[in-house]
Amino acid sequence: MNHFLKEFGKNVTLQDMDFCTGIDFSNFNKIEQGKTNITFRTFLKIAKGLKVHPKKLLDFEIDLDES
């Protein structure tokens, strides 16, 4: 998660994200480890907490040929 946040110029901890989004620290930990999927509502809360447009969070390269 820290690498991800640094890409957006954010220097926040999971505890900071808990405070900014209302999403429990332990849930962020599960998201970070890929142990749970998030809803669109949660995705929007994360974007709002980071003060980043949701569109920017989805702007990444993906290799569709890779299986």
Protein backbone atom coordinates (compact mmCIF):
# COMPACT_ATOMS: atom_id res chain seq x y z
CA MET A 1 0.00 0.00 0.00
CA ASN A 2 2.83 2.41 0.80
CA HIS A 3 4.28 2.05 -2.73
CA PHE A 4 0.81 2.63 -4.15
CA LEU A 5 0.30 5.74 -2.04
CA LYS A 6 3.72 7.14 -2.95
CA GLU A 7 2.71 7.02 -6.63
CA PHE A 8 0.08 9.61 -5.80
CA GLY A 9 2.46 11.75 -3.77
CA LYS A 10 0.79 10.73 -0.54
CA ASN A 11 2.76 10.01 2.60
CA VAL A 12 0.04 8.50 4.77
CA THR A 13 -0.19 5.47 6.98
CA LEU A 14 -2.98 2.92 7.12
CA GLN A 15 -4.03 4.59 10.37
CA ASP A 16 -4.28 7.91 8.50
CA MET A 17 -6.43 6.22 5.84
CA ASP A 18 -8.62 4.77 8.60
CA PHE A 19 -9.19 8.30 9.91
CA CYS A 20 -9.74 9.88 6.46
CA THR A 21 -12.10 7.23 5.11
CA GLY A 22 -13.79 5.64 8.09
CA ILE A 23 -12.56 2.26 6.87
CA ASP A 24 -11.07 0.21 9.69
CA PHE A 25 -7.30 -0.31 9.70
CA SER A 26 -7.73 -4.08 9.74
CA ASN A 27 -9.91 -3.91 6.62
CA PHE A 28 -7.23 -1.89 4.83
CA ASN A 29 -4.75 -4.56 5.81
CA LYS A 30 -6.98 -7.24 4.24
CA ILE A 31 -7.39 -5.15 1.07
CA GLU A 32 -3.63 -4.61 0.86
CA GLN A 33 -2.96 -8.34 1.18
CA GLY A 34 -5.60 -9.23 -1.41
CA LYS A 35 -7.66 -11.17 1.15
CA THR A 36 -10.85 -9.27 0.40
CA ASN A 37 -12.45 -7.47 -2.50
CA ILE A 38 -13.79 -3.96 -2.15
CA THR A 39 -17.11 -2.54 -3.19
CA PHE A 40 -17.43 0.48 -5.44
CA ARG A 41 -18.52 2.49 -2.40
CA THR A 42 -15.31 1.54 -0.59
CA PHE A 43 -13.31 2.44 -3.68
CA LEU A 44 -14.90 5.90 -3.66
CA LYS A 45 -14.15 6.32 0.06
CA ILE A 46 -10.49 5.51 -0.60
CA ALA A 47 -10.32 8.01 -3.47
CA LYS A 48 -11.94 10.67 -1.32
CA GLY A 49 -9.59 9.90 1.58
CA LEU A 50 -6.59 10.26 -0.73
CA LYS A 51 -8.11 13.41 -2.28
CA VAL A 52 -7.58 11.84 -5.70
CA HIS A 53 -10.16 11.57 -8.47
CA PRO A 54 -11.31 7.91 -8.74
CA LYS A 55 -10.41 7.96 -12.44
CA LYS A 56 -6.75 8.48 -11.51
CA LEU A 57 -6.77 5.37 -9.32
CA LEU A 58 -7.84 3.32 -12.32
CA ASP A 59 -5.24 4.74 -14.70
CA PHE A 60 -2.69 1.94 -14.98
CA GLU A 61 -1.17 -0.34 -17.59
CA ILE A 62 -2.25 -3.97 -17.80
CA ASP A 63 -1.05 -6.74 -20.10
CA LEU A 64 -4.19 -8.41 -21.40
CA ASP A 65 -2.14 -11.06 -23.22
CA GLU A 66 -0.63 -12.35 -19.97
CA SER A 67 -2.51 -15.32 -18.52
